[in-house]
Amino acid sequence: MSAAACQQALDAVFRADPAVQAVLGNPVRLVEAPVKLAAYPFAFWRRWETKPVDASVVQSDEHIATLEVVCRQPGAEIARQAVAALATCAAAAKPNPLGARIVLILPLYSDVMRSADGRSWLGIVRLKIIADRI
């Protein structure tokens, strides 16, 4: 499964989730890249790694995806809520786009920290996704 197809499937799951909407707005502010004029808080895909993990019968791809959340509200609470909503939503998701079957979505890591400029809070969610090619 391509990284683009996997990302689109997860984007659709996040955009439809009420807990994610409660923190990142409705429509969900999940943007392609950080922009200065975006409404806060918002999330974007920071990094996406893909490698084949073929077994003897099934051909699969392992994706390691990193979502970043940017918040300008004072305190880290909104960033923590956004990170928790994204991780919980991903762990419960069962998207199966055409041509692939996602067999695992596992939140590997999450963190919230102040940005280098001190004006915003950043949240990180790293996901491991295994998708069989069918």
N, C-alpha and C. Protein backbone atom coordinates (compact mmCIF):
# COMPACT_ATOMS: atom_id res chain seq x y z
N MET A 1 0.85 -1.17 0.00
CA MET A 1 0.00 0.00 0.00
C MET A 1 0.89 1.23 0.00
N SER A 2 0.61 2.15 -0.87
CA SER A 2 1.44 3.34 -0.96
C SER A 2 1.25 4.23 0.26
N ALA A 3 2.25 5.03 0.53
CA ALA A 3 2.17 5.98 1.63
C ALA A 3 1.02 6.96 1.42
N ALA A 4 0.83 7.41 0.17
CA ALA A 4 -0.24 8.37 -0.12
C ALA A 4 -1.61 7.76 0.16
N ALA A 5 -1.83 6.51 -0.25
CA ALA A 5 -3.12 5.87 -0.01
C ALA A 5 -3.36 5.65 1.48
N CYS A 6 -2.32 5.26 2.19
CA CYS A 6 -2.43 5.05 3.63
C CYS A 6 -2.74 6.37 4.34
N GLN A 7 -2.05 7.43 3.95
CA GLN A 7 -2.28 8.74 4.54
C GLN A 7 -3.70 9.22 4.27
N GLN A 8 -4.19 9.04 3.05
CA GLN A 8 -5.55 9.44 2.72
C GLN A 8 -6.57 8.68 3.56
N ALA A 9 -6.33 7.38 3.76
CA ALA A 9 -7.24 6.58 4.57
C ALA A 9 -7.28 7.09 6.01
N LEU A 10 -6.11 7.37 6.57
CA LEU A 10 -6.06 7.89 7.94
C LEU A 10 -6.63 9.30 8.04
N ASP A 11 -6.37 10.13 7.04
CA ASP A 11 -6.97 11.47 7.02
C ASP A 11 -8.48 11.39 7.12
N ALA A 12 -9.09 10.49 6.35
CA ALA A 12 -10.54 10.33 6.36
C ALA A 12 -11.04 9.89 7.73
N VAL A 13 -10.31 8.97 8.37
CA VAL A 13 -10.67 8.51 9.71
C VAL A 13 -10.60 9.66 10.70
N PHE A 14 -9.51 10.43 10.68
CA PHE A 14 -9.36 11.55 11.62
C PHE A 14 -10.44 12.61 11.40
N ARG A 15 -10.73 12.92 10.14
CA ARG A 15 -11.72 13.95 9.83
C ARG A 15 -13.13 13.56 10.28
N ALA A 16 -13.41 12.27 10.36
CA ALA A 16 -14.75 11.79 10.75
C ALA A 16 -14.89 11.56 12.25
N ASP A 17 -13.81 11.61 13.00
CA ASP A 17 -13.85 11.27 14.42
C ASP A 17 -14.30 12.46 15.27
N PRO A 18 -15.35 12.29 16.09
CA PRO A 18 -15.85 13.40 16.92
C PRO A 18 -14.83 13.92 17.94
N ALA A 19 -14.01 13.04 18.52
CA ALA A 19 -13.02 13.49 19.50
C ALA A 19 -11.94 14.34 18.84
N VAL A 20 -11.53 13.97 17.64
CA VAL A 20 -10.54 14.76 16.90
C VAL A 20 -11.16 16.09 16.48
N GLN A 21 -12.43 16.06 16.03
CA GLN A 21 -13.13 17.29 15.66
C GLN A 21 -13.25 18.25 16.84
N ALA A 22 -13.46 17.70 18.03
CA ALA A 22 -13.62 18.55 19.22
C ALA A 22 -12.36 19.36 19.52
N VAL A 23 -11.20 18.82 19.18
CA VAL A 23 -9.95 19.52 19.47
C VAL A 23 -9.41 20.28 18.26
N LEU A 24 -9.50 19.66 17.08
CA LEU A 24 -8.90 20.27 15.88
C LEU A 24 -9.93 20.92 14.96
N GLY A 25 -11.15 21.07 15.44
CA GLY A 25 -12.17 21.78 14.68
C GLY A 25 -12.94 20.89 13.71
N ASN A 26 -14.06 21.43 13.24
CA ASN A 26 -14.87 20.74 12.25
C ASN A 26 -15.18 21.71 11.12
N PRO A 27 -14.56 21.58 9.96
CA PRO A 27 -13.72 20.46 9.53
C PRO A 27 -12.37 20.43 10.25
N VAL A 28 -11.85 19.23 10.40
CA VAL A 28 -10.58 19.02 11.11
C VAL A 28 -9.45 19.75 10.39
N ARG A 29 -8.67 20.49 11.18
CA ARG A 29 -7.53 21.22 10.61
C ARG A 29 -6.32 20.27 10.55
N LEU A 30 -6.33 19.45 9.51
CA LEU A 30 -5.24 18.54 9.21
C LEU A 30 -4.70 18.99 7.87
N VAL A 31 -3.57 19.70 7.90
CA VAL A 31 -3.06 20.36 6.70
C VAL A 31 -1.86 19.60 6.15
N GLU A 32 -1.54 19.88 4.90
CA GLU A 32 -0.43 19.19 4.22
C GLU A 32 0.93 19.63 4.77
N ALA A 33 1.04 20.90 5.11
CA ALA A 33 2.30 21.44 5.64
C ALA A 33 1.96 22.63 6.53
N PRO A 34 2.79 22.92 7.53
CA PRO A 34 2.50 24.06 8.40
C PRO A 34 2.55 25.37 7.63
N VAL A 35 1.56 26.22 7.87
CA VAL A 35 1.50 27.53 7.24
C VAL A 35 1.24 28.58 8.31
N LYS A 36 1.73 29.77 8.10
CA LYS A 36 1.61 30.82 9.12
C LYS A 36 0.18 31.28 9.35
N LEU A 37 -0.66 31.19 8.33
CA LEU A 37 -2.01 31.71 8.45
C LEU A 37 -3.03 30.67 8.89
N ALA A 38 -2.59 29.47 9.23
CA ALA A 38 -3.52 28.42 9.64
C ALA A 38 -4.15 28.77 10.99
N ALA A 39 -5.40 28.34 11.17
CA ALA A 39 -6.06 28.48 12.46
C ALA A 39 -5.44 27.46 13.42
N TYR A 40 -5.39 27.79 14.68
CA TYR A 40 -4.78 26.91 15.68
C TYR A 40 -5.86 26.29 16.54
N PRO A 41 -5.66 25.12 17.06
CA PRO A 41 -4.57 24.19 16.77
C PRO A 41 -4.79 23.50 15.43
N PHE A 42 -3.71 23.00 14.85
CA PHE A 42 -3.80 22.22 13.62
C PHE A 42 -2.78 21.08 13.69
N ALA A 43 -2.96 20.11 12.81
CA ALA A 43 -2.05 18.98 12.73
C ALA A 43 -1.56 18.84 11.29
N PHE A 44 -0.38 18.27 11.15
CA PHE A 44 0.14 17.97 9.82
C PHE A 44 1.05 16.75 9.91
N TRP A 45 1.23 16.10 8.75
CA TRP A 45 2.12 14.94 8.68
C TRP A 45 3.55 15.44 8.60
N ARG A 46 4.34 15.19 9.62
CA ARG A 46 5.73 15.64 9.67
C ARG A 46 6.65 14.73 8.86
N ARG A 47 6.42 13.42 8.99
CA ARG A 47 7.33 12.46 8.35
C ARG A 47 6.58 11.16 8.06
N TRP A 48 6.98 10.49 6.99
CA TRP A 48 6.37 9.21 6.64
C TRP A 48 7.44 8.30 6.05
N GLU A 49 7.70 7.19 6.71
CA GLU A 49 8.67 6.21 6.23
C GLU A 49 7.92 4.94 5.82
N THR A 50 8.34 4.33 4.73
CA THR A 50 7.71 3.09 4.27
C THR A 50 8.79 2.09 3.88
N LYS A 51 8.58 0.83 4.29
CA LYS A 51 9.49 -0.22 3.85
C LYS A 51 8.69 -1.51 3.69
N PRO A 52 9.09 -2.36 2.75
CA PRO A 52 8.40 -3.64 2.58
C PRO A 52 8.76 -4.59 3.72
N VAL A 53 7.79 -5.36 4.16
CA VAL A 53 8.00 -6.40 5.17
C VAL A 53 7.30 -7.66 4.68
N ASP A 54 7.78 -8.18 3.58
CA ASP A 54 7.13 -9.32 2.94
C ASP A 54 7.34 -10.60 3.74
N ALA A 55 6.25 -11.30 3.95
CA ALA A 55 6.29 -12.63 4.57
C ALA A 55 6.29 -13.66 3.44
N SER A 56 6.24 -14.91 3.77
CA SER A 56 6.32 -15.94 2.74
C SER A 56 5.11 -15.95 1.82
N VAL A 57 3.96 -15.58 2.32
CA VAL A 57 2.74 -15.62 1.52
C VAL A 57 2.19 -14.22 1.24
N VAL A 58 2.29 -13.34 2.21
CA VAL A 58 1.66 -12.02 2.11
C VAL A 58 2.71 -10.95 1.91
N GLN A 59 2.47 -10.06 0.97
CA GLN A 59 3.34 -8.90 0.79
C GLN A 59 2.74 -7.74 1.57
N SER A 60 3.54 -7.13 2.42
CA SER A 60 3.06 -6.05 3.28
C SER A 60 4.01 -4.87 3.23
N ASP A 61 3.52 -3.75 3.69
CA ASP A 61 4.34 -2.56 3.86
C ASP A 61 4.22 -2.10 5.30
N GLU A 62 5.35 -1.70 5.86
CA GLU A 62 5.35 -1.09 7.19
C GLU A 62 5.55 0.40 7.02
N HIS A 63 4.65 1.16 7.61
CA HIS A 63 4.73 2.61 7.57
C HIS A 63 4.98 3.12 8.99
N ILE A 64 5.90 4.04 9.13
CA ILE A 64 6.09 4.77 10.38
C ILE A 64 5.75 6.22 10.06
N ALA A 65 4.65 6.68 10.62
CA ALA A 65 4.13 8.02 10.30
C ALA A 65 4.19 8.89 11.54
N THR A 66 4.57 10.14 11.35
CA THR A 66 4.65 11.10 12.46
C THR A 66 3.73 12.27 12.17
N LEU A 67 2.77 12.47 13.07
CA LEU A 67 1.87 13.61 13.02
C LEU A 67 2.36 14.64 14.02
N GLU A 68 2.32 15.90 13.65
CA GLU A 68 2.68 16.97 14.57
C GLU A 68 1.47 17.87 14.76
N VAL A 69 1.24 18.28 15.99
CA VAL A 69 0.16 19.20 16.35
C VAL A 69 0.79 20.51 16.79
N VAL A 70 0.24 21.62 16.32
CA VAL A 70 0.74 22.95 16.70
C VAL A 70 -0.40 23.71 17.37
N CYS A 71 -0.16 24.18 18.59
CA CYS A 71 -1.16 24.92 19.37
C CYS A 71 -0.58 26.26 19.81
N ARG A 72 -1.38 27.29 19.77
CA ARG A 72 -0.95 28.60 20.26
C ARG A 72 -1.63 28.98 21.58
N GLN A 73 -2.53 28.15 22.07
CA GLN A 73 -3.20 28.44 23.33
C GLN A 73 -2.19 28.36 24.47
N PRO A 74 -2.40 29.15 25.52
CA PRO A 74 -1.47 29.08 26.66
C PRO A 74 -1.59 27.72 27.36
N GLY A 75 -0.49 27.18 27.76
CA GLY A 75 -0.47 25.88 28.42
C GLY A 75 -0.49 24.74 27.43
N ALA A 76 -0.14 23.58 27.92
CA ALA A 76 0.00 22.40 27.06
C ALA A 76 -1.26 21.56 26.95
N GLU A 77 -2.32 21.93 27.65
CA GLU A 77 -3.50 21.06 27.73
C GLU A 77 -4.15 20.76 26.38
N ILE A 78 -4.32 21.77 25.53
CA ILE A 78 -4.95 21.54 24.22
C ILE A 78 -4.07 20.62 23.37
N ALA A 79 -2.76 20.81 23.42
CA ALA A 79 -1.85 19.93 22.67
C ALA A 79 -1.96 18.50 23.19
N ARG A 80 -2.05 18.34 24.50
CA ARG A 80 -2.20 16.99 25.08
C ARG A 80 -3.51 16.35 24.63
N GLN A 81 -4.59 17.13 24.63
CA GLN A 81 -5.88 16.61 24.20
C GLN A 81 -5.85 16.19 22.73
N ALA A 82 -5.21 17.00 21.90
CA ALA A 82 -5.12 16.68 20.47
C ALA A 82 -4.31 15.41 20.24
N VAL A 83 -3.18 15.30 20.93
CA VAL A 83 -2.33 14.11 20.80
C VAL A 83 -3.11 12.87 21.24
N ALA A 84 -3.81 12.96 22.37
CA ALA A 84 -4.58 11.83 22.87
C ALA A 84 -5.70 11.46 21.90
N ALA A 85 -6.40 12.45 21.36
CA ALA A 85 -7.49 12.17 20.42
C ALA A 85 -6.98 11.49 19.16
N LEU A 86 -5.87 11.98 18.61
CA LEU A 86 -5.31 11.38 17.40
C LEU A 86 -4.82 9.95 17.66
N ALA A 87 -4.12 9.74 18.77
CA ALA A 87 -3.60 8.40 19.08
C ALA A 87 -4.74 7.41 19.33
N THR A 88 -5.75 7.83 20.08
CA THR A 88 -6.89 6.95 20.37
C THR A 88 -7.67 6.62 19.11
N CYS A 89 -7.90 7.63 18.28
CA CYS A 89 -8.61 7.43 17.02
C CYS A 89 -7.84 6.47 16.12
N ALA A 90 -6.53 6.66 16.00
CA ALA A 90 -5.71 5.80 15.14
C ALA A 90 -5.74 4.35 15.64
N ALA A 91 -5.62 4.16 16.95
CA ALA A 91 -5.59 2.81 17.51
C ALA A 91 -6.90 2.07 17.27
N ALA A 92 -8.01 2.79 17.23
CA ALA A 92 -9.32 2.16 17.03
C ALA A 92 -9.71 2.06 15.56
N ALA A 93 -8.96 2.70 14.68
CA ALA A 93 -9.34 2.79 13.26
C ALA A 93 -9.20 1.45 12.56
N LYS A 94 -10.10 1.23 11.62
CA LYS A 94 -10.06 0.03 10.78
C LYS A 94 -10.26 0.41 9.31
N PRO A 95 -9.48 1.36 8.79
CA PRO A 95 -9.67 1.73 7.39
C PRO A 95 -9.13 0.65 6.46
N ASN A 96 -9.83 0.37 5.40
CA ASN A 96 -9.36 -0.60 4.41
C ASN A 96 -9.60 -0.06 3.02
N PRO A 97 -8.68 0.77 2.55
CA PRO A 97 -8.83 1.33 1.22
C PRO A 97 -8.71 0.24 0.15
N LEU A 98 -9.22 0.54 -1.01
CA LEU A 98 -9.20 -0.39 -2.13
C LEU A 98 -7.76 -0.80 -2.44
N GLY A 99 -7.53 -2.09 -2.56
CA GLY A 99 -6.21 -2.59 -2.93
C GLY A 99 -5.28 -2.85 -1.77
N ALA A 100 -5.77 -2.73 -0.55
CA ALA A 100 -4.91 -2.97 0.61
C ALA A 100 -5.77 -3.35 1.81
N ARG A 101 -5.12 -3.91 2.79
CA ARG A 101 -5.80 -4.22 4.05
C ARG A 101 -4.88 -3.78 5.18
N ILE A 102 -5.31 -2.82 5.94
CA ILE A 102 -4.51 -2.36 7.08
C ILE A 102 -4.76 -3.34 8.22
N VAL A 103 -3.70 -3.99 8.67
CA VAL A 103 -3.83 -5.01 9.70
C VAL A 103 -3.41 -4.51 11.08
N LEU A 104 -2.69 -3.39 11.13
CA LEU A 104 -2.23 -2.88 12.42
C LEU A 104 -2.03 -1.37 12.33
N ILE A 105 -2.58 -0.67 13.30
CA ILE A 105 -2.23 0.74 13.52
C ILE A 105 -1.92 0.85 15.00
N LEU A 106 -0.68 1.15 15.30
CA LEU A 106 -0.22 1.16 16.68
C LEU A 106 0.45 2.49 17.01
N PRO A 107 -0.10 3.26 17.95
CA PRO A 107 0.62 4.46 18.39
C PRO A 107 1.89 4.03 19.13
N LEU A 108 3.04 4.45 18.62
CA LEU A 108 4.33 4.07 19.20
C LEU A 108 4.83 5.06 20.24
N TYR A 109 4.53 6.33 20.02
CA TYR A 109 5.17 7.38 20.82
C TYR A 109 4.32 8.63 20.74
N SER A 110 4.25 9.34 21.84
CA SER A 110 3.63 10.67 21.82
C SER A 110 4.34 11.55 22.83
N ASP A 111 4.34 12.84 22.55
CA ASP A 111 5.01 13.80 23.41
C ASP A 111 4.42 15.18 23.17
N VAL A 112 4.50 16.02 24.16
CA VAL A 112 4.09 17.43 24.05
C VAL A 112 5.23 18.27 24.60
N MET A 113 5.59 19.31 23.86
CA MET A 113 6.70 20.17 24.28
C MET A 113 6.45 21.60 23.83
N ARG A 114 7.15 22.53 24.43
CA ARG A 114 7.08 23.93 23.99
C ARG A 114 7.97 24.09 22.77
N SER A 115 7.53 24.92 21.83
CA SER A 115 8.33 25.16 20.63
C SER A 115 9.57 25.97 20.98
N ALA A 116 10.54 25.99 20.08
CA ALA A 116 11.80 26.69 20.32
C ALA A 116 11.59 28.19 20.54
N ASP A 117 10.60 28.77 19.86
CA ASP A 117 10.36 30.21 20.02
C ASP A 117 9.53 30.53 21.26
N GLY A 118 9.00 29.50 21.94
CA GLY A 118 8.26 29.70 23.17
C GLY A 118 6.84 30.21 22.98
N ARG A 119 6.39 30.39 21.74
CA ARG A 119 5.05 30.94 21.50
C ARG A 119 3.99 29.88 21.31
N SER A 120 4.39 28.64 21.08
CA SER A 120 3.39 27.61 20.84
C SER A 120 3.81 26.29 21.49
N TRP A 121 2.86 25.38 21.53
CA TRP A 121 3.08 24.04 22.05
C TRP A 121 3.00 23.07 20.88
N LEU A 122 3.88 22.09 20.88
CA LEU A 122 3.92 21.09 19.82
C LEU A 122 3.61 19.72 20.41
N GLY A 123 2.81 18.97 19.70
CA GLY A 123 2.52 17.59 20.07
C GLY A 123 2.99 16.68 18.95
N ILE A 124 3.47 15.51 19.32
CA ILE A 124 3.95 14.53 18.35
C ILE A 124 3.23 13.21 18.60
N VAL A 125 2.76 12.59 17.54
CA VAL A 125 2.20 11.24 17.60
C VAL A 125 2.89 10.42 16.51
N ARG A 126 3.54 9.35 16.90
CA ARG A 126 4.19 8.47 15.92
C ARG A 126 3.38 7.17 15.86
N LEU A 127 3.05 6.76 14.63
CA LEU A 127 2.22 5.58 14.40
C LEU A 127 2.97 4.54 13.59
N LYS A 128 2.76 3.29 13.92
CA LYS A 128 3.25 2.17 13.10
C LYS A 128 2.03 1.56 12.43
N ILE A 129 2.11 1.43 11.11
CA ILE A 129 1.00 0.90 10.32
C ILE A 129 1.53 -0.25 9.48
N ILE A 130 0.87 -1.39 9.56
CA ILE A 130 1.19 -2.52 8.69
C ILE A 130 0.01 -2.71 7.75
N ALA A 131 0.29 -2.70 6.45
CA ALA A 131 -0.76 -2.86 5.45
C ALA A 131 -0.37 -3.96 4.48
N ASP A 132 -1.26 -4.93 4.32
CA ASP A 132 -1.06 -6.00 3.34
C ASP A 132 -1.47 -5.50 1.97
N ARG A 133 -0.68 -5.86 0.98
CA ARG A 133 -1.05 -5.57 -0.41
C ARG A 133 -1.93 -6.70 -0.92
N ILE A 134 -3.10 -6.36 -1.44
CA ILE A 134 -4.00 -7.40 -1.96
C ILE A 134 -4.40 -7.10 -3.38
